């Protein structure tokens, strides 16, 4: 049996639960590029209004097939930007970006 008071054990348990919950929410916070709204795209670090406009314009021609297609069709999106966007939960057809090996 623990030597900590019941209240302290309860507080620690609650904090552990919240930490696990927050980690799960972060992992579940995927944003699909082909369905993202202008506001959602603007909310990503690394995209400004002009980048968002280029993405939405390119998407009018059809859904992005994969990250390579996205980077080829949208000026200014290269591997470093794709890495940053993917780390924030952005996916293309449910797939996160993996930088090509050098």
Foldseek 3Di string as FASTA:
>chain_A
DDPDDPVVVVVVVVVVVVVVVVVVVQQVPADELLPDDLVRQCPAPPDHNVQSVQSVVLCVVDAQPAVVSSPVRGPPDDDVSLQSRLSNRYGYVPDHDDDDDD
